[in-house]
Amino acid sequence: MLNTFQFEIITPERLFYSATVSSLVAPGVEGYFGVLANHAPLLARSGGGKLKVRETTNQERIFEVGSGIVEVLKNRVVFFTKRAQSAAGETK
């Protein structure tokens, strides 16, 4: 799909989440920011909070993440954090 990108949440222990998504809204230190496919490269700090992802199936997933770094590359976004929890309660 042309309007999608790979998204990952990585904690020190493991790859917590990986999927092809169509958009995400991440918590930055100065407020939330959105990412769509073909976003310009970006490196941002996050103070943690709620992270919202829309998967290619149009399902929305919400994660509670700790502080970290968000790296936006060409059609790939990685959130490096010490802590992540899904809405279902899985943590690491």
PDB file of N, CA and C in Angstrom:
ATOM      1  N   MET A   1       0.846  -1.183   0.000  1.00  0.00           N
ATOM      2  CA  MET A   1       0.000   0.000   0.000  1.00  0.00           C
ATOM      3  C   MET A   1       0.888   1.243   0.000  1.00  0.00           C
ATOM      4  N   LEU A   2       0.466   2.253  -0.732  1.00  0.00           N
ATOM      5  CA  LEU A   2       1.260   3.458  -0.860  1.00  0.00           C
ATOM      6  C   LEU A   2       1.182   4.370   0.349  1.00  0.00           C
ATOM      7  N   ASN A   3       0.063   4.380   1.045  1.00  0.00           N
ATOM      8  CA  ASN A   3      -0.131   5.301   2.153  1.00  0.00           C
ATOM      9  C   ASN A   3       0.061   4.631   3.507  1.00  0.00           C
ATOM     10  N   THR A   4       1.035   3.745   3.596  1.00  0.00           N
ATOM     11  CA  THR A   4       1.328   3.054   4.851  1.00  0.00           C
ATOM     12  C   THR A   4       2.817   3.111   5.143  1.00  0.00           C
ATOM     13  N   PHE A   5       3.165   2.779   6.373  1.00  0.00           N
ATOM     14  CA  PHE A   5       4.560   2.712   6.770  1.00  0.00           C
ATOM     15  C   PHE A   5       4.712   1.713   7.905  1.00  0.00           C
ATOM     16  N   GLN A   6       5.933   1.264   8.120  1.00  0.00           N
ATOM     17  CA  GLN A   6       6.248   0.322   9.194  1.00  0.00           C
ATOM     18  C   GLN A   6       6.414   1.106  10.494  1.00  0.00           C
ATOM     19  N   PHE A   7       5.796   0.623  11.574  1.00  0.00           N
ATOM     20  CA  PHE A   7       5.916   1.264  12.881  1.00  0.00           C
ATOM     21  C   PHE A   7       6.309   0.228  13.915  1.00  0.00           C
ATOM     22  N   GLU A   8       7.252   0.602  14.779  1.00  0.00           N
ATOM     23  CA  GLU A   8       7.712  -0.289  15.842  1.00  0.00           C
ATOM     24  C   GLU A   8       7.841   0.460  17.161  1.00  0.00           C
ATOM     25  N   ILE A   9       7.517  -0.237  18.242  1.00  0.00           N
ATOM     26  CA  ILE A   9       7.817   0.237  19.595  1.00  0.00           C
ATOM     27  C   ILE A   9       8.863  -0.722  20.136  1.00  0.00           C
ATOM     28  N   ILE A  10      10.007  -0.172  20.527  1.00  0.00           N
ATOM     29  CA  ILE A  10      11.108  -1.004  21.016  1.00  0.00           C
ATOM     30  C   ILE A  10      11.447  -0.599  22.444  1.00  0.00           C
ATOM     31  N   THR A  11      11.454  -1.594  23.343  1.00  0.00           N
ATOM     32  CA  THR A  11      11.889  -1.389  24.724  1.00  0.00           C
ATOM     33  C   THR A  11      13.255  -2.058  24.881  1.00  0.00           C
ATOM     34  N   PRO A  12      13.963  -1.809  25.974  1.00  0.00           N
ATOM     35  CA  PRO A  12      15.261  -2.467  26.163  1.00  0.00           C
ATOM     36  C   PRO A  12      15.165  -3.999  26.164  1.00  0.00           C
ATOM     37  N   GLU A  13      14.024  -4.540  26.566  1.00  0.00           N
ATOM     38  CA  GLU A  13      13.863  -5.982  26.653  1.00  0.00           C
ATOM     39  C   GLU A  13      13.496  -6.654  25.345  1.00  0.00           C
ATOM     40  N   ARG A  14      12.734  -5.927  24.466  1.00  0.00           N
ATOM     41  CA  ARG A  14      12.226  -6.609  23.269  1.00  0.00           C
ATOM     42  C   ARG A  14      11.564  -5.642  22.300  1.00  0.00           C
ATOM     43  N   LEU A  15      11.243  -6.194  21.142  1.00  0.00           N
ATOM     44  CA  LEU A  15      10.391  -5.499  20.182  1.00  0.00           C
ATOM     45  C   LEU A  15       8.966  -5.659  20.706  1.00  0.00           C
ATOM     46  N   PHE A  16       8.383  -4.580  21.214  1.00  0.00           N
ATOM     47  CA  PHE A  16       7.077  -4.645  21.867  1.00  0.00           C
ATOM     48  C   PHE A  16       5.934  -4.710  20.858  1.00  0.00           C
ATOM     49  N   TYR A  17       6.045  -3.952  19.763  1.00  0.00           N
ATOM     50  CA  TYR A  17       4.967  -3.877  18.774  1.00  0.00           C
ATOM     51  C   TYR A  17       5.570  -3.600  17.412  1.00  0.00           C
ATOM     52  N   SER A  18       5.042  -4.239  16.390  1.00  0.00           N
ATOM     53  CA  SER A  18       5.473  -4.003  15.023  1.00  0.00           C
ATOM     54  C   SER A  18       4.296  -4.243  14.094  1.00  0.00           C
ATOM     55  N   ALA A  19       4.009  -3.260  13.221  1.00  0.00           N
ATOM     56  CA  ALA A  19       2.893  -3.406  12.286  1.00  0.00           C
ATOM     57  C   ALA A  19       3.041  -2.404  11.153  1.00  0.00           C
ATOM     58  N   THR A  20       2.350  -2.677  10.078  1.00  0.00           N
ATOM     59  CA  THR A  20       2.216  -1.708   9.001  1.00  0.00           C
ATOM     60  C   THR A  20       0.994  -0.863   9.332  1.00  0.00           C
ATOM     61  N   VAL A  21       1.180   0.453   9.378  1.00  0.00           N
ATOM     62  CA  VAL A  21       0.115   1.357   9.819  1.00  0.00           C
ATOM     63  C   VAL A  21      -0.103   2.458   8.794  1.00  0.00           C
ATOM     64  N   SER A  22      -1.236   3.147   8.927  1.00  0.00           N
ATOM     65  CA  SER A  22      -1.525   4.260   8.030  1.00  0.00           C
ATOM     66  C   SER A  22      -1.314   5.613   8.701  1.00  0.00           C
ATOM     67  N   SER A  23      -1.328   5.649  10.043  1.00  0.00           N
ATOM     68  CA  SER A  23      -1.066   6.910  10.750  1.00  0.00           C
ATOM     69  C   SER A  23      -0.776   6.630  12.220  1.00  0.00           C
ATOM     70  N   LEU A  24      -0.179   7.631  12.860  1.00  0.00           N
ATOM     71  CA  LEU A  24       0.001   7.564  14.304  1.00  0.00           C
ATOM     72  C   LEU A  24       0.015   8.966  14.875  1.00  0.00           C
ATOM     73  N   VAL A  25      -0.363   9.061  16.136  1.00  0.00           N
ATOM     74  CA  VAL A  25      -0.288  10.307  16.896  1.00  0.00           C
ATOM     75  C   VAL A  25       0.539   9.994  18.127  1.00  0.00           C
ATOM     76  N   ALA A  26       1.690  10.692  18.253  1.00  0.00           N
ATOM     77  CA  ALA A  26       2.648  10.398  19.324  1.00  0.00           C
ATOM     78  C   ALA A  26       2.776  11.577  20.274  1.00  0.00           C
ATOM     79  N   PRO A  27       3.078  11.294  21.551  1.00  0.00           N
ATOM     80  CA  PRO A  27       3.282  12.369  22.516  1.00  0.00           C
ATOM     81  C   PRO A  27       4.712  12.909  22.446  1.00  0.00           C
ATOM     82  N   GLY A  28       4.865  14.151  22.035  1.00  0.00           N
ATOM     83  CA  GLY A  28       6.173  14.805  22.062  1.00  0.00           C
ATOM     84  C   GLY A  28       6.323  15.602  23.341  1.00  0.00           C
ATOM     85  N   VAL A  29       7.498  16.127  23.617  1.00  0.00           N
ATOM     86  CA  VAL A  29       7.686  16.904  24.841  1.00  0.00           C
ATOM     87  C   VAL A  29       6.951  18.241  24.784  1.00  0.00           C
ATOM     88  N   GLU A  30       6.660  18.735  23.589  1.00  0.00           N
ATOM     89  CA  GLU A  30       5.945  20.007  23.458  1.00  0.00           C
ATOM     90  C   GLU A  30       4.526  19.820  22.948  1.00  0.00           C
ATOM     91  N   GLY A  31       4.014  18.609  23.003  1.00  0.00           N
ATOM     92  CA  GLY A  31       2.662  18.318  22.558  1.00  0.00           C
ATOM     93  C   GLY A  31       2.634  17.144  21.605  1.00  0.00           C
ATOM     94  N   TYR A  32       1.454  16.751  21.236  1.00  0.00           N
ATOM     95  CA  TYR A  32       1.280  15.606  20.345  1.00  0.00           C
ATOM     96  C   TYR A  32       1.588  15.994  18.905  1.00  0.00           C
ATOM     97  N   PHE A  33       2.065  15.018  18.126  1.00  0.00           N
ATOM     98  CA  PHE A  33       2.296  15.239  16.703  1.00  0.00           C
ATOM     99  C   PHE A  33       1.879  14.000  15.929  1.00  0.00           C
ATOM    100  N   GLY A  34       1.462  14.214  14.686  1.00  0.00           N
ATOM    101  CA  GLY A  34       0.996  13.126  13.841  1.00  0.00           C
ATOM    102  C   GLY A  34       2.011  12.768  12.774  1.00  0.00           C
ATOM    103  N   VAL A  35       1.943  11.514  12.340  1.00  0.00           N
ATOM    104  CA  VAL A  35       2.813  11.031  11.272  1.00  0.00           C
ATOM    105  C   VAL A  35       1.962  10.248  10.278  1.00  0.00           C
ATOM    106  N   LEU A  36       2.125  10.586   8.995  1.00  0.00           N
ATOM    107  CA  LEU A  36       1.506   9.855   7.899  1.00  0.00           C
ATOM    108  C   LEU A  36       2.620   9.293   7.030  1.00  0.00           C
ATOM    109  N   ALA A  37       2.273   8.468   6.057  1.00  0.00           N
ATOM    110  CA  ALA A  37       3.264   7.919   5.131  1.00  0.00           C
ATOM    111  C   ALA A  37       3.999   9.056   4.425  1.00  0.00           C
ATOM    112  N   ASN A  38       5.262   8.831   4.130  1.00  0.00           N
ATOM    113  CA  ASN A  38       6.122   9.790   3.431  1.00  0.00           C
ATOM    114  C   ASN A  38       6.379  11.066   4.229  1.00  0.00           C
ATOM    115  N   HIS A  39       6.276  10.984   5.552  1.00  0.00           N
ATOM    116  CA  HIS A  39       6.583  12.128   6.418  1.00  0.00           C
ATOM    117  C   HIS A  39       8.065  12.474   6.276  1.00  0.00           C
ATOM    118  N   ALA A  40       8.398  13.735   6.420  1.00  0.00           N
ATOM    119  CA  ALA A  40       9.797  14.162   6.385  1.00  0.00           C
ATOM    120  C   ALA A  40      10.550  13.511   7.540  1.00  0.00           C
ATOM    121  N   PRO A  41      11.834  13.227   7.377  1.00  0.00           N
ATOM    122  CA  PRO A  41      12.626  12.659   8.470  1.00  0.00           C
ATOM    123  C   PRO A  41      12.556  13.556   9.713  1.00  0.00           C
ATOM    124  N   LEU A  42      12.501  12.901  10.870  1.00  0.00           N
ATOM    125  CA  LEU A  42      12.318  13.626  12.119  1.00  0.00           C
ATOM    126  C   LEU A  42      12.898  12.814  13.262  1.00  0.00           C
ATOM    127  N   LEU A  43      13.501  13.484  14.214  1.00  0.00           N
ATOM    128  CA  LEU A  43      13.942  12.867  15.460  1.00  0.00           C
ATOM    129  C   LEU A  43      13.359  13.722  16.573  1.00  0.00           C
ATOM    130  N   ALA A  44      12.513  13.125  17.426  1.00  0.00           N
ATOM    131  CA  ALA A  44      11.811  13.894  18.453  1.00  0.00           C
ATOM    132  C   ALA A  44      11.889  13.188  19.798  1.00  0.00           C
ATOM    133  N   ARG A  45      11.946  13.995  20.863  1.00  0.00           N
ATOM    134  CA  ARG A  45      11.873  13.450  22.220  1.00  0.00           C
ATOM    135  C   ARG A  45      10.416  13.342  22.632  1.00  0.00           C
ATOM    136  N   SER A  46      10.151  12.352  23.461  1.00  0.00           N
ATOM    137  CA  SER A  46       8.814  12.165  23.996  1.00  0.00           C
ATOM    138  C   SER A  46       8.887  12.114  25.513  1.00  0.00           C
ATOM    139  N   GLY A  47       7.967  12.804  26.148  1.00  0.00           N
ATOM    140  CA  GLY A  47       7.854  12.741  27.600  1.00  0.00           C
ATOM    141  C   GLY A  47       6.973  11.594  28.053  1.00  0.00           C
ATOM    142  N   GLY A  48       6.446  10.839  27.093  1.00  0.00           N
ATOM    143  CA  GLY A  48       5.556   9.724  27.407  1.00  0.00           C
ATOM    144  C   GLY A  48       4.107  10.152  27.389  1.00  0.00           C
ATOM    145  N   GLY A  49       3.233   9.169  27.374  1.00  0.00           N
ATOM    146  CA  GLY A  49       1.792   9.419  27.343  1.00  0.00           C
ATOM    147  C   GLY A  49       1.095   8.421  26.450  1.00  0.00           C
ATOM    148  N   LYS A  50      -0.054   8.816  25.934  1.00  0.00           N
ATOM    149  CA  LYS A  50      -0.830   7.936  25.064  1.00  0.00           C
ATOM    150  C   LYS A  50      -0.344   8.072  23.622  1.00  0.00           C
ATOM    151  N   LEU A  51      -0.157   6.940  22.970  1.00  0.00           N
ATOM    152  CA  LEU A  51       0.253   6.876  21.577  1.00  0.00           C
ATOM    153  C   LEU A  51      -0.844   6.144  20.814  1.00  0.00           C
ATOM    154  N   LYS A  52      -1.369   6.769  19.756  1.00  0.00           N
ATOM    155  CA  LYS A  52      -2.480   6.192  19.007  1.00  0.00           C
ATOM    156  C   LYS A  52      -1.996   5.790  17.619  1.00  0.00           C
ATOM    157  N   VAL A  53      -2.315   4.554  17.221  1.00  0.00           N
ATOM    158  CA  VAL A  53      -1.904   4.000  15.936  1.00  0.00           C
ATOM    159  C   VAL A  53      -3.146   3.542  15.178  1.00  0.00           C
ATOM    160  N   ARG A  54      -3.204   3.858  13.877  1.00  0.00           N
ATOM    161  CA  ARG A  54      -4.266   3.316  13.028  1.00  0.00           C
ATOM    162  C   ARG A  54      -3.626   2.310  12.082  1.00  0.00           C
ATOM    163  N   GLU A  55      -4.008   1.047  12.259  1.00  0.00           N
ATOM    164  CA  GLU A  55      -3.459  -0.022  11.434  1.00  0.00           C
ATOM    165  C   GLU A  55      -4.116  -0.028  10.055  1.00  0.00           C
ATOM    166  N   THR A  56      -3.536  -0.779   9.125  1.00  0.00           N
ATOM    167  CA  THR A  56      -4.061  -0.820   7.757  1.00  0.00           C
ATOM    168  C   THR A  56      -5.456  -1.436   7.698  1.00  0.00           C
ATOM    169  N   THR A  57      -5.840  -2.194   8.710  1.00  0.00           N
ATOM    170  CA  THR A  57      -7.188  -2.767   8.786  1.00  0.00           C
ATOM    171  C   THR A  57      -8.198  -1.737   9.292  1.00  0.00           C
ATOM    172  N   ASN A  58      -7.718  -0.509   9.531  1.00  0.00           N
ATOM    173  CA  ASN A  58      -8.499   0.605  10.073  1.00  0.00           C
ATOM    174  C   ASN A  58      -8.782   0.439  11.566  1.00  0.00           C
ATOM    175  N   GLN A  59      -8.184  -0.563  12.195  1.00  0.00           N
ATOM    176  CA  GLN A  59      -8.310  -0.741  13.644  1.00  0.00           C
ATOM    177  C   GLN A  59      -7.394   0.259  14.335  1.00  0.00           C
ATOM    178  N   GLU A  60      -7.892   0.871  15.391  1.00  0.00           N
ATOM    179  CA  GLU A  60      -7.101   1.825  16.165  1.00  0.00           C
ATOM    180  C   GLU A  60      -6.585   1.152  17.430  1.00  0.00           C
ATOM    181  N   ARG A  61      -5.305   1.323  17.710  1.00  0.00           N
ATOM    182  CA  ARG A  61      -4.700   0.784  18.927  1.00  0.00           C
ATOM    183  C   ARG A  61      -4.127   1.935  19.733  1.00  0.00           C
ATOM    184  N   ILE A  62      -4.284   1.829  21.059  1.00  0.00           N
ATOM    185  CA  ILE A  62      -3.764   2.856  21.952  1.00  0.00           C
ATOM    186  C   ILE A  62      -2.744   2.205  22.870  1.00  0.00           C
ATOM    187  N   PHE A  63      -1.605   2.871  23.031  1.00  0.00           N
ATOM    188  CA  PHE A  63      -0.541   2.409  23.910  1.00  0.00           C
ATOM    189  C   PHE A  63      -0.218   3.510  24.916  1.00  0.00           C
ATOM    190  N   GLU A  64       0.157   3.111  26.096  1.00  0.00           N
ATOM    191  CA  GLU A  64       0.701   4.032  27.099  1.00  0.00           C
ATOM    192  C   GLU A  64       2.206   3.801  27.074  1.00  0.00           C
ATOM    193  N   VAL A  65       2.964   4.844  26.729  1.00  0.00           N
ATOM    194  CA  VAL A  65       4.410   4.710  26.589  1.00  0.00           C
ATOM    195  C   VAL A  65       5.129   5.630  27.554  1.00  0.00           C
ATOM    196  N   GLY A  66       6.325   5.211  27.949  1.00  0.00           N
ATOM    197  CA  GLY A  66       7.174   6.047  28.778  1.00  0.00           C
ATOM    198  C   GLY A  66       7.929   7.043  27.918  1.00  0.00           C
ATOM    199  N   SER A  67       8.761   7.828  28.551  1.00  0.00           N
ATOM    200  CA  SER A  67       9.553   8.790  27.790  1.00  0.00           C
ATOM    201  C   SER A  67      10.487   8.051  26.845  1.00  0.00           C
ATOM    202  N   GLY A  68      10.881   8.723  25.774  1.00  0.00           N
ATOM    203  CA  GLY A  68      11.754   8.081  24.809  1.00  0.00           C
ATOM    204  C   GLY A  68      12.057   8.955  23.613  1.00  0.00           C
ATOM    205  N   ILE A  69      12.433   8.313  22.534  1.00  0.00           N
ATOM    206  CA  ILE A  69      12.806   8.975  21.289  1.00  0.00           C
ATOM    207  C   ILE A  69      11.963   8.394  20.157  1.00  0.00           C
ATOM    208  N   VAL A  70      11.466   9.275  19.292  1.00  0.00           N
ATOM    209  CA  VAL A  70      10.724   8.857  18.103  1.00  0.00           C
ATOM    210  C   VAL A  70      11.595   9.196  16.894  1.00  0.00           C
ATOM    211  N   GLU A  71      11.857   8.187  16.069  1.00  0.00           N
ATOM    212  CA  GLU A  71      12.659   8.381  14.865  1.00  0.00           C
ATOM    213  C   GLU A  71      11.777   8.107  13.648  1.00  0.00           C
ATOM    214  N   VAL A  72      11.621   9.131  12.809  1.00  0.00           N
ATOM    215  CA  VAL A  72      10.832   9.007  11.585  1.00  0.00           C
ATOM    216  C   VAL A  72      11.809   8.968  10.418  1.00  0.00           C
ATOM    217  N   LEU A  73      11.788   7.873   9.680  1.00  0.00           N
ATOM    218  CA  LEU A  73      12.611   7.709   8.487  1.00  0.00           C
ATOM    219  C   LEU A  73      11.681   7.497   7.299  1.00  0.00           C
ATOM    220  N   LYS A  74      12.223   7.270   6.133  1.00  0.00           N
ATOM    221  CA  LYS A  74      11.388   7.048   4.964  1.00  0.00           C
ATOM    222  C   LYS A  74      10.571   5.774   5.150  1.00  0.00           C
ATOM    223  N   ASN A  75       9.280   5.941   5.328  1.00  0.00           N
ATOM    224  CA  ASN A  75       8.325   4.845   5.484  1.00  0.00           C
ATOM    225  C   ASN A  75       8.636   3.893   6.634  1.00  0.00           C
ATOM    226  N   ARG A  76       9.286   4.408   7.672  1.00  0.00           N
ATOM    227  CA  ARG A  76       9.524   3.622   8.888  1.00  0.00           C
ATOM    228  C   ARG A  76       9.592   4.573  10.075  1.00  0.00           C
ATOM    229  N   VAL A  77       8.879   4.231  11.139  1.00  0.00           N
ATOM    230  CA  VAL A  77       8.895   5.021  12.366  1.00  0.00           C
ATOM    231  C   VAL A  77       9.191   4.068  13.515  1.00  0.00           C
ATOM    232  N   VAL A  78      10.124   4.480  14.384  1.00  0.00           N
ATOM    233  CA  VAL A  78      10.485   3.667  15.547  1.00  0.00           C
ATOM    234  C   VAL A  78      10.360   4.525  16.794  1.00  0.00           C
ATOM    235  N   PHE A  79       9.683   3.987  17.810  1.00  0.00           N
ATOM    236  CA  PHE A  79       9.586   4.646  19.113  1.00  0.00           C
ATOM    237  C   PHE A  79      10.434   3.832  20.083  1.00  0.00           C
ATOM    238  N   PHE A  80      11.524   4.411  20.557  1.00  0.00           N
ATOM    239  CA  PHE A  80      12.402   3.772  21.543  1.00  0.00           C
ATOM    240  C   PHE A  80      11.986   4.275  22.920  1.00  0.00           C
ATOM    241  N   THR A  81      11.623   3.364  23.821  1.00  0.00           N
ATOM    242  CA  THR A  81      11.153   3.750  25.146  1.00  0.00           C
ATOM    243  C   THR A  81      11.537   2.686  26.168  1.00  0.00           C
ATOM    244  N   LYS A  82      11.579   3.064  27.417  1.00  0.00           N
ATOM    245  CA  LYS A  82      11.869   2.100  28.486  1.00  0.00           C
ATOM    246  C   LYS A  82      10.644   1.305  28.877  1.00  0.00           C
ATOM    247  N   ARG A  83       9.434   1.851  28.586  1.00  0.00           N
ATOM    248  CA  ARG A  83       8.207   1.208  29.057  1.00  0.00           C
ATOM    249  C   ARG A  83       7.098   1.391  28.020  1.00  0.00           C
ATOM    250  N   ALA A  84       6.326   0.333  27.791  1.00  0.00           N
ATOM    251  CA  ALA A  84       5.163   0.401  26.910  1.00  0.00           C
ATOM    252  C   ALA A  84       4.086  -0.543  27.429  1.00  0.00           C
ATOM    253  N   GLN A  85       2.860  -0.124  27.279  1.00  0.00           N
ATOM    254  CA  GLN A  85       1.719  -0.930  27.704  1.00  0.00           C
ATOM    255  C   GLN A  85       0.591  -0.743  26.695  1.00  0.00           C
ATOM    256  N   SER A  86       0.000  -1.839  26.270  1.00  0.00           N
ATOM    257  CA  SER A  86      -1.145  -1.751  25.353  1.00  0.00           C
ATOM    258  C   SER A  86      -2.418  -1.538  26.153  1.00  0.00           C
ATOM    259  N   ALA A  87      -3.478  -1.200  25.454  1.00  0.00           N
ATOM    260  CA  ALA A  87      -4.766  -1.017  26.108  1.00  0.00           C
ATOM    261  C   ALA A  87      -5.229  -2.306  26.780  1.00  0.00           C
ATOM    262  N   ALA A  88      -4.726  -3.450  26.283  1.00  0.00           N
ATOM    263  CA  ALA A  88      -5.085  -4.742  26.866  1.00  0.00           C
ATOM    264  C   ALA A  88      -4.298  -5.038  28.139  1.00  0.00           C
ATOM    265  N   GLY A  89      -3.272  -4.219  28.427  1.00  0.00           N
ATOM    266  CA  GLY A  89      -2.527  -4.372  29.670  1.00  0.00           C
ATOM    267  C   GLY A  89      -1.179  -5.071  29.561  1.00  0.00           C
ATOM    268  N   GLU A  90      -0.758  -5.480  28.356  1.00  0.00           N
ATOM    269  CA  GLU A  90       0.555  -6.098  28.184  1.00  0.00           C
ATOM    270  C   GLU A  90       1.636  -5.048  28.428  1.00  0.00           C
ATOM    271  N   THR A  91       2.623  -5.363  29.265  1.00  0.00           N
ATOM    272  CA  THR A  91       3.677  -4.375  29.563  1.00  0.00           C
ATOM    273  C   THR A  91       5.057  -4.938  29.299  1.00  0.00           C
ATOM    274  N   LYS A  92       5.996  -4.028  29.177  1.00  0.00           N
ATOM    275  CA  LYS A  92       7.440  -4.314  29.104  1.00  0.00           C
ATOM    276  C   LYS A  92       8.188  -3.038  29.127  1.00  0.00           C
TER     277      LYS A  92
END
